[in-house]
Structures are given as C-alpha cells and as structure tokens.
Amino acid sequence: MTYLYHIAEITETPTSIIAEVCDEPVTVDPYISDHRVKHGFSWIVALTNTGGAAGLPGVVDTDPDGSDPRARRVPDWNVFGAWNITQLRTGGRDASTAIAHPACTEWWLERHPGSEVLGNYTFSPAGEIPGEPRLPQYPEWIGPSETQ
C-alpha cells in the first residue's frame, strides 16, 4: 500500500504552524468493492514552538525515486528542533463535524473524476477499484550525520 498526502492549507505564526492535510491510501492490487469507497481522510497537524534547544537537522532527501539505507519510516531523533506536535488527528479543524477541507475534495476529484461527494469527502462507486504501483517513501526521514 502507498499513502499519498496532500497539504491543503498551512497557517503560520512565529510560534505555531497549523496544516490541513489530505490522505489517500492506495492499494497495489485492484479489487472489487460491493459498496462505495471513501478516498481518504482530512487531517489537522499543529506544531508549537516551545523555544527549547533545536536538535540537529536531518539529511535532506533529494531522491524521490530511491531509498536511503539510513532512512526511517518514523524519525527517531529531534526532527523539529524547538517545535512540538501539539495536535494530530483526523477530521480537520472541526472534529465535531469531521468535514474535509475543500482543497482535499478538489484533490480527490482530480485523482478520481466523477466521484460522489458527500460532506466534502469523495467516494468511488461500487465496482472495481484500480490498483497503483507502490511508491517509495518520499521524502524519507534520514537522521542527522552527527549524534545529538
């Protein structure tokens, strides 16, 4: 499976970053579904600058087609420096309504023209769901060249 992510909106201040992110899990093998299939979820990711000491930066991943043997799926070092993740959840900014950001709907419709839209989420109709080739993770989390 490949998870695709799309940044729908970013709001920045000197002490916070809030991003609306859309996801879409994509299977390698096609399959048949007897019901409509939701294309993905809308996420909210919030970071706050604590003013603490910054960690060492990771190595920049410049190869979208390859995989670095030093890479991690999940970072195991201080990747954000003085920034802490303070919120990470599905449902977008308003969890009570859990309505996807309109830019997510646009992205899903771009990828799946003719989909059904319900509450800013898009759905493929019942039937064959096509597969897509698995893609390498990009960008990868490649640790700093020095220890922290």
N, C-alpha and C. Protein backbone atom coordinates (compact mmCIF):
# COMPACT_ATOMS: atom_id res chain seq x y z
N MET A 1 0.84 -1.18 0.00
CA MET A 1 0.00 0.00 0.00
C MET A 1 0.89 1.25 0.00
N THR A 2 0.44 2.28 -0.65
CA THR A 2 1.11 3.58 -0.63
C THR A 2 0.13 4.58 -0.03
N TYR A 3 0.60 5.41 0.89
CA TYR A 3 -0.22 6.51 1.41
C TYR A 3 0.23 7.79 0.73
N LEU A 4 -0.69 8.44 0.05
CA LEU A 4 -0.41 9.73 -0.57
C LEU A 4 -0.91 10.82 0.36
N TYR A 5 -0.16 11.92 0.47
CA TYR A 5 -0.56 13.05 1.30
C TYR A 5 -0.52 14.33 0.47
N HIS A 6 -1.46 15.22 0.75
CA HIS A 6 -1.57 16.49 0.04
C HIS A 6 -1.81 17.59 1.07
N ILE A 7 -0.97 18.62 1.09
CA ILE A 7 -1.17 19.73 2.01
C ILE A 7 -2.22 20.66 1.41
N ALA A 8 -3.34 20.81 2.10
CA ALA A 8 -4.45 21.62 1.61
C ALA A 8 -4.29 23.08 2.01
N GLU A 9 -3.81 23.31 3.23
CA GLU A 9 -3.68 24.69 3.73
C GLU A 9 -2.69 24.71 4.88
N ILE A 10 -1.91 25.79 4.94
CA ILE A 10 -0.98 26.00 6.06
C ILE A 10 -1.21 27.40 6.61
N THR A 11 -1.31 27.49 7.94
CA THR A 11 -1.42 28.77 8.63
C THR A 11 -0.20 28.87 9.55
N GLU A 12 0.56 29.96 9.42
CA GLU A 12 1.80 30.10 10.20
C GLU A 12 1.80 31.38 11.02
N THR A 13 2.34 31.28 12.22
CA THR A 13 2.69 32.44 13.04
C THR A 13 4.11 32.16 13.54
N PRO A 14 4.75 33.12 14.22
CA PRO A 14 6.10 32.84 14.73
C PRO A 14 6.15 31.68 15.73
N THR A 15 5.02 31.36 16.36
CA THR A 15 5.04 30.29 17.38
C THR A 15 4.17 29.09 17.05
N SER A 16 3.51 29.10 15.89
CA SER A 16 2.68 27.93 15.56
C SER A 16 2.57 27.73 14.05
N ILE A 17 2.37 26.48 13.70
CA ILE A 17 2.08 26.09 12.32
C ILE A 17 0.92 25.12 12.38
N ILE A 18 -0.12 25.41 11.62
CA ILE A 18 -1.28 24.51 11.56
C ILE A 18 -1.47 24.14 10.09
N ALA A 19 -1.52 22.85 9.83
CA ALA A 19 -1.69 22.38 8.45
C ALA A 19 -2.90 21.48 8.35
N GLU A 20 -3.65 21.66 7.28
CA GLU A 20 -4.72 20.74 6.90
C GLU A 20 -4.11 19.83 5.84
N VAL A 21 -4.18 18.54 6.05
CA VAL A 21 -3.55 17.57 5.17
C VAL A 21 -4.59 16.53 4.75
N CYS A 22 -4.57 16.16 3.48
CA CYS A 22 -5.46 15.12 2.96
C CYS A 22 -4.62 13.87 2.76
N ASP A 23 -5.22 12.71 2.99
CA ASP A 23 -4.50 11.48 2.69
C ASP A 23 -5.33 10.62 1.76
N GLU A 24 -4.65 9.67 1.16
CA GLU A 24 -5.33 8.65 0.35
C GLU A 24 -4.51 7.39 0.34
N PRO A 25 -5.02 6.32 0.96
CA PRO A 25 -4.32 5.04 0.87
C PRO A 25 -4.63 4.41 -0.49
N VAL A 26 -3.59 3.90 -1.15
CA VAL A 26 -3.74 3.32 -2.48
C VAL A 26 -3.18 1.90 -2.45
N THR A 27 -4.00 0.94 -2.85
CA THR A 27 -3.55 -0.45 -2.86
C THR A 27 -2.81 -0.74 -4.16
N VAL A 28 -1.95 -1.75 -4.11
CA VAL A 28 -1.20 -2.16 -5.28
C VAL A 28 -2.09 -2.96 -6.22
N ASP A 29 -2.85 -3.89 -5.65
CA ASP A 29 -3.69 -4.77 -6.46
C ASP A 29 -5.10 -4.22 -6.58
N PRO A 30 -5.70 -4.29 -7.76
CA PRO A 30 -7.09 -3.87 -7.90
C PRO A 30 -7.99 -4.83 -7.14
N TYR A 31 -9.16 -4.35 -6.75
CA TYR A 31 -10.12 -5.23 -6.06
C TYR A 31 -11.53 -4.78 -6.40
N ILE A 32 -12.49 -5.64 -6.10
CA ILE A 32 -13.90 -5.35 -6.34
C ILE A 32 -14.54 -5.00 -5.00
N SER A 33 -15.28 -3.90 -4.96
CA SER A 33 -16.00 -3.49 -3.75
C SER A 33 -17.49 -3.49 -4.04
N ASP A 34 -18.28 -4.03 -3.10
CA ASP A 34 -19.74 -4.05 -3.29
C ASP A 34 -20.40 -2.79 -2.72
N HIS A 35 -19.60 -1.84 -2.28
CA HIS A 35 -20.12 -0.56 -1.78
C HIS A 35 -19.15 0.56 -2.19
N ARG A 36 -19.61 1.80 -2.07
CA ARG A 36 -18.73 2.91 -2.45
C ARG A 36 -17.54 2.97 -1.49
N VAL A 37 -16.43 3.52 -1.97
CA VAL A 37 -15.18 3.53 -1.20
C VAL A 37 -14.71 4.97 -1.01
N LYS A 38 -14.51 5.35 0.26
CA LYS A 38 -14.01 6.69 0.59
C LYS A 38 -12.55 6.79 0.16
N HIS A 39 -12.18 7.94 -0.42
CA HIS A 39 -10.82 8.09 -0.93
C HIS A 39 -9.80 8.39 0.14
N GLY A 40 -10.17 9.00 1.24
CA GLY A 40 -9.18 9.30 2.26
C GLY A 40 -9.77 10.13 3.38
N PHE A 41 -8.90 10.68 4.20
CA PHE A 41 -9.30 11.49 5.34
C PHE A 41 -8.63 12.86 5.27
N SER A 42 -9.19 13.78 6.02
CA SER A 42 -8.62 15.11 6.20
C SER A 42 -8.01 15.12 7.61
N TRP A 43 -6.80 15.60 7.72
CA TRP A 43 -6.08 15.65 8.99
C TRP A 43 -5.80 17.09 9.38
N ILE A 44 -5.64 17.30 10.68
CA ILE A 44 -5.12 18.57 11.19
C ILE A 44 -3.80 18.24 11.89
N VAL A 45 -2.77 19.01 11.57
CA VAL A 45 -1.46 18.84 12.20
C VAL A 45 -1.07 20.21 12.74
N ALA A 46 -0.83 20.29 14.04
CA ALA A 46 -0.45 21.57 14.65
C ALA A 46 0.89 21.41 15.35
N LEU A 47 1.78 22.38 15.12
CA LEU A 47 3.07 22.42 15.79
C LEU A 47 3.18 23.74 16.54
N THR A 48 3.81 23.68 17.72
CA THR A 48 4.01 24.88 18.53
C THR A 48 5.50 25.00 18.86
N ASN A 49 6.03 26.21 18.76
CA ASN A 49 7.43 26.46 19.06
C ASN A 49 7.57 26.68 20.56
N THR A 50 8.27 25.76 21.23
CA THR A 50 8.44 25.82 22.68
C THR A 50 9.60 26.71 23.08
N GLY A 51 10.44 27.09 22.11
CA GLY A 51 11.59 27.93 22.41
C GLY A 51 12.75 27.15 22.99
N GLY A 52 12.64 25.82 23.05
CA GLY A 52 13.73 25.00 23.57
C GLY A 52 14.87 24.89 22.58
N ALA A 53 15.88 24.14 22.96
CA ALA A 53 17.05 23.97 22.11
C ALA A 53 16.68 23.16 20.87
N ALA A 54 17.14 23.62 19.75
CA ALA A 54 16.86 22.92 18.49
C ALA A 54 17.75 21.70 18.37
N GLY A 55 17.23 20.63 17.81
CA GLY A 55 18.00 19.44 17.54
C GLY A 55 18.78 19.60 16.24
N LEU A 56 19.59 18.61 15.94
CA LEU A 56 20.35 18.64 14.70
C LEU A 56 19.43 18.36 13.52
N PRO A 57 19.64 19.03 12.40
CA PRO A 57 18.78 18.76 11.24
C PRO A 57 19.11 17.41 10.63
N GLY A 58 18.10 16.79 10.02
CA GLY A 58 18.32 15.55 9.30
C GLY A 58 18.97 15.84 7.96
N VAL A 59 19.31 14.77 7.26
CA VAL A 59 19.88 14.88 5.92
C VAL A 59 18.72 15.07 4.95
N VAL A 60 18.82 16.03 4.06
CA VAL A 60 17.75 16.31 3.10
C VAL A 60 17.65 15.16 2.09
N ASP A 61 16.43 14.67 1.88
CA ASP A 61 16.19 13.62 0.90
C ASP A 61 15.95 14.27 -0.46
N THR A 62 16.85 14.04 -1.39
CA THR A 62 16.76 14.68 -2.71
C THR A 62 16.38 13.70 -3.82
N ASP A 63 16.11 12.43 -3.46
CA ASP A 63 15.84 11.42 -4.48
C ASP A 63 14.45 10.81 -4.30
N PRO A 64 13.44 11.31 -5.03
CA PRO A 64 12.09 10.78 -4.87
C PRO A 64 11.92 9.35 -5.38
N ASP A 65 12.87 8.87 -6.18
CA ASP A 65 12.73 7.53 -6.76
C ASP A 65 13.52 6.45 -6.04
N GLY A 66 14.36 6.85 -5.10
CA GLY A 66 15.22 5.88 -4.43
C GLY A 66 14.95 5.81 -2.95
N SER A 67 15.70 4.94 -2.28
CA SER A 67 15.56 4.79 -0.84
C SER A 67 16.95 4.81 -0.21
N ASP A 68 17.11 5.62 0.82
CA ASP A 68 18.39 5.73 1.51
C ASP A 68 18.41 4.69 2.63
N PRO A 69 19.46 3.89 2.75
CA PRO A 69 19.51 2.86 3.80
C PRO A 69 19.49 3.44 5.22
N ARG A 70 19.81 4.72 5.37
CA ARG A 70 19.78 5.34 6.70
C ARG A 70 18.38 5.81 7.07
N ALA A 71 17.44 5.76 6.14
CA ALA A 71 16.11 6.34 6.35
C ALA A 71 15.29 5.55 7.36
N ARG A 72 14.39 6.26 8.01
CA ARG A 72 13.45 5.67 8.97
C ARG A 72 12.05 5.99 8.49
N ARG A 73 11.12 5.08 8.74
CA ARG A 73 9.72 5.37 8.42
C ARG A 73 9.21 6.45 9.37
N VAL A 74 9.60 6.32 10.63
CA VAL A 74 9.25 7.31 11.65
C VAL A 74 10.57 7.81 12.23
N PRO A 75 10.76 9.13 12.34
CA PRO A 75 12.05 9.63 12.85
C PRO A 75 12.29 9.20 14.28
N ASP A 76 13.55 8.95 14.61
CA ASP A 76 13.91 8.58 15.98
C ASP A 76 14.89 9.60 16.59
N TRP A 77 14.80 10.84 16.10
CA TRP A 77 15.60 11.93 16.64
C TRP A 77 14.74 13.19 16.62
N ASN A 78 15.26 14.26 17.15
CA ASN A 78 14.53 15.51 17.28
C ASN A 78 14.46 16.22 15.92
N VAL A 79 13.48 15.83 15.09
CA VAL A 79 13.40 16.37 13.73
C VAL A 79 12.90 17.80 13.66
N PHE A 80 12.13 18.23 14.66
CA PHE A 80 11.50 19.54 14.58
C PHE A 80 12.19 20.59 15.44
N GLY A 81 13.32 20.25 16.04
CA GLY A 81 14.02 21.23 16.86
C GLY A 81 13.16 21.69 18.01
N ALA A 82 12.92 23.01 18.12
CA ALA A 82 12.15 23.58 19.22
C ALA A 82 10.65 23.47 19.00
N TRP A 83 10.23 22.83 17.92
CA TRP A 83 8.82 22.70 17.60
C TRP A 83 8.30 21.34 18.08
N ASN A 84 7.13 21.36 18.72
CA ASN A 84 6.48 20.13 19.17
C ASN A 84 5.16 19.95 18.46
N ILE A 85 4.82 18.71 18.11
CA ILE A 85 3.50 18.43 17.55
C ILE A 85 2.51 18.50 18.71
N THR A 86 1.54 19.40 18.60
CA THR A 86 0.56 19.57 19.67
C THR A 86 -0.82 19.04 19.29
N GLN A 87 -1.00 18.73 18.01
CA GLN A 87 -2.26 18.14 17.57
C GLN A 87 -2.03 17.35 16.30
N LEU A 88 -2.60 16.15 16.25
CA LEU A 88 -2.51 15.30 15.07
C LEU A 88 -3.73 14.40 15.09
N ARG A 89 -4.73 14.73 14.28
CA ARG A 89 -5.96 13.93 14.29
C ARG A 89 -6.71 14.06 12.98
N THR A 90 -7.56 13.08 12.71
CA THR A 90 -8.41 13.15 11.54
C THR A 90 -9.60 14.03 11.85
N GLY A 91 -10.28 14.47 10.81
CA GLY A 91 -11.49 15.28 10.98
C GLY A 91 -11.32 16.73 10.66
N GLY A 92 -10.11 17.16 10.32
CA GLY A 92 -9.90 18.57 10.00
C GLY A 92 -9.98 19.45 11.24
N ARG A 93 -10.11 20.76 11.01
CA ARG A 93 -10.09 21.70 12.14
C ARG A 93 -11.27 21.54 13.08
N ASP A 94 -12.43 21.13 12.56
CA ASP A 94 -13.62 20.97 13.39
C ASP A 94 -13.95 19.49 13.52
N ALA A 95 -13.44 18.86 14.56
CA ALA A 95 -13.62 17.42 14.74
C ALA A 95 -15.08 17.05 14.96
N SER A 96 -15.91 18.00 15.44
CA SER A 96 -17.32 17.68 15.69
C SER A 96 -18.07 17.43 14.39
N THR A 97 -17.67 18.10 13.30
CA THR A 97 -18.33 17.86 12.02
C THR A 97 -17.52 16.92 11.14
N ALA A 98 -16.22 16.83 11.37
CA ALA A 98 -15.31 15.96 10.61
C ALA A 98 -15.49 16.14 9.10
N ILE A 99 -15.61 17.38 8.66
CA ILE A 99 -15.76 17.66 7.23
C ILE A 99 -14.38 17.98 6.65
N ALA A 100 -14.07 17.33 5.56
CA ALA A 100 -12.76 17.53 4.94
C ALA A 100 -12.62 18.95 4.41
N HIS A 101 -11.39 19.42 4.37
CA HIS A 101 -11.08 20.72 3.79
C HIS A 101 -11.49 20.69 2.32
N PRO A 102 -12.09 21.78 1.80
CA PRO A 102 -12.49 21.80 0.39
C PRO A 102 -11.35 21.48 -0.59
N ALA A 103 -10.12 21.86 -0.24
CA ALA A 103 -8.98 21.54 -1.12
C ALA A 103 -8.73 20.04 -1.18
N CYS A 104 -9.10 19.31 -0.12
CA CYS A 104 -8.99 17.85 -0.16
C CYS A 104 -9.98 17.30 -1.18
N THR A 105 -11.19 17.83 -1.15
CA THR A 105 -12.20 17.38 -2.11
C THR A 105 -11.71 17.62 -3.53
N GLU A 106 -11.16 18.79 -3.78
CA GLU A 106 -10.63 19.11 -5.11
C GLU A 106 -9.54 18.12 -5.51
N TRP A 107 -8.64 17.80 -4.58
CA TRP A 107 -7.54 16.88 -4.86
C TRP A 107 -8.07 15.49 -5.17
N TRP A 108 -9.01 15.00 -4.34
CA TRP A 108 -9.58 13.67 -4.59
C TRP A 108 -10.32 13.64 -5.92
N LEU A 109 -11.07 14.70 -6.25
CA LEU A 109 -11.79 14.73 -7.53
C LEU A 109 -10.84 14.79 -8.71
N GLU A 110 -9.69 15.48 -8.53
CA GLU A 110 -8.67 15.49 -9.58
C GLU A 110 -8.16 14.08 -9.85
N ARG A 111 -7.95 13.35 -8.77
CA ARG A 111 -7.45 11.97 -8.88
C ARG A 111 -8.53 10.99 -9.34
N HIS A 112 -9.79 11.28 -9.02
CA HIS A 112 -10.90 10.36 -9.32
C HIS A 112 -12.08 11.14 -9.88
N PRO A 113 -11.98 11.60 -11.13
CA PRO A 113 -13.08 12.36 -11.71
C PRO A 113 -14.38 11.55 -11.68
N GLY A 114 -15.49 12.27 -11.47
CA GLY A 114 -16.79 11.60 -11.48
C GLY A 114 -17.16 10.92 -10.18
N SER A 115 -16.37 11.13 -9.13
CA SER A 115 -16.67 10.54 -7.83
C SER A 115 -17.87 11.22 -7.19
N GLU A 116 -18.51 10.52 -6.26
CA GLU A 116 -19.61 11.08 -5.49
C GLU A 116 -19.03 11.90 -4.34
N VAL A 117 -19.61 13.08 -4.08
CA VAL A 117 -19.14 13.94 -2.99
C VAL A 117 -20.21 13.97 -1.90
N LEU A 118 -19.80 13.66 -0.68
CA LEU A 118 -20.67 13.74 0.50
C LEU A 118 -19.91 14.44 1.61
N GLY A 119 -20.37 15.63 2.01
CA GLY A 119 -19.70 16.35 3.10
C GLY A 119 -18.24 16.64 2.85
N ASN A 120 -17.89 16.98 1.64
CA ASN A 120 -16.51 17.27 1.22
C ASN A 120 -15.61 16.04 1.15
N TYR A 121 -16.15 14.84 1.37
CA TYR A 121 -15.39 13.61 1.13
C TYR A 121 -15.83 13.07 -0.22
N THR A 122 -14.94 12.35 -0.91
CA THR A 122 -15.31 11.78 -2.19
C THR A 122 -15.27 10.26 -2.11
N PHE A 123 -16.11 9.63 -2.91
CA PHE A 123 -16.26 8.18 -2.89
C PHE A 123 -16.29 7.65 -4.31
N SER A 124 -15.56 6.54 -4.53
CA SER A 124 -15.69 5.82 -5.80
C SER A 124 -16.95 4.98 -5.70
N PRO A 125 -17.66 4.81 -6.82
CA PRO A 125 -18.83 3.94 -6.78
C PRO A 125 -18.43 2.48 -6.57
N ALA A 126 -19.38 1.65 -6.19
CA ALA A 126 -19.12 0.22 -6.06
C ALA A 126 -18.60 -0.30 -7.39
N GLY A 127 -17.80 -1.33 -7.33
CA GLY A 127 -17.23 -1.91 -8.55
C GLY A 127 -15.74 -2.11 -8.39
N GLU A 128 -15.02 -2.10 -9.51
CA GLU A 128 -13.58 -2.35 -9.46
C GLU A 128 -12.83 -1.10 -9.01
N ILE A 129 -12.00 -1.29 -8.01
CA ILE A 129 -11.12 -0.22 -7.52
C ILE A 129 -9.73 -0.53 -8.07
N PRO A 130 -9.19 0.35 -8.93
CA PRO A 130 -7.90 0.05 -9.56
C PRO A 130 -6.75 0.12 -8.58
N GLY A 131 -5.73 -0.65 -8.83
CA GLY A 131 -4.50 -0.58 -8.05
C GLY A 131 -3.52 0.39 -8.69
N GLU A 132 -2.51 0.76 -7.93
CA GLU A 132 -1.45 1.63 -8.43
C GLU A 132 -0.12 1.06 -7.94
N PRO A 133 0.96 1.23 -8.71
CA PRO A 133 2.25 0.71 -8.25
C PRO A 133 2.64 1.32 -6.90
N ARG A 134 3.28 0.51 -6.07
CA ARG A 134 3.76 1.00 -4.77
C ARG A 134 4.90 1.97 -5.03
N LEU A 135 4.90 3.08 -4.31
CA LEU A 135 5.92 4.12 -4.47
C LEU A 135 6.84 4.13 -3.26
N PRO A 136 8.12 4.48 -3.44
CA PRO A 136 9.00 4.62 -2.27
C PRO A 136 8.57 5.82 -1.44
N GLN A 137 8.83 5.75 -0.14
CA GLN A 137 8.50 6.89 0.73
C GLN A 137 9.33 8.08 0.29
N TYR A 138 8.68 9.24 0.18
CA TYR A 138 9.40 10.46 -0.16
C TYR A 138 8.65 11.64 0.43
N PRO A 139 9.29 12.55 1.11
CA PRO A 139 10.69 12.45 1.50
C PRO A 139 10.84 11.47 2.66
N GLU A 140 12.03 10.87 2.74
CA GLU A 140 12.32 9.94 3.83
C GLU A 140 12.89 10.71 5.01
N TRP A 141 12.76 10.13 6.19
CA TRP A 141 13.37 10.70 7.39
C TRP A 141 14.77 10.12 7.49
N ILE A 142 15.78 10.90 7.13
CA ILE A 142 17.17 10.47 7.19
C ILE A 142 17.83 11.20 8.34
N GLY A 143 18.34 10.46 9.29
CA GLY A 143 18.87 11.04 10.53
C GLY A 143 20.06 11.96 10.33
N PRO A 144 20.35 12.77 11.35
CA PRO A 144 21.50 13.68 11.24
C PRO A 144 22.80 12.90 11.14
N SER A 145 23.78 13.52 10.50
CA SER A 145 25.06 12.85 10.33
C SER A 145 25.87 12.85 11.62
N GLU A 146 25.48 13.71 12.58
CA GLU A 146 26.15 13.75 13.88
C GLU A 146 25.15 13.31 14.95
N THR A 147 25.66 12.81 16.07
CA THR A 147 24.74 12.45 17.17
C THR A 147 24.35 13.70 17.92
N GLN A 148 23.16 13.65 18.51
CA GLN A 148 22.65 14.83 19.23
C GLN A 148 23.15 14.87 20.65
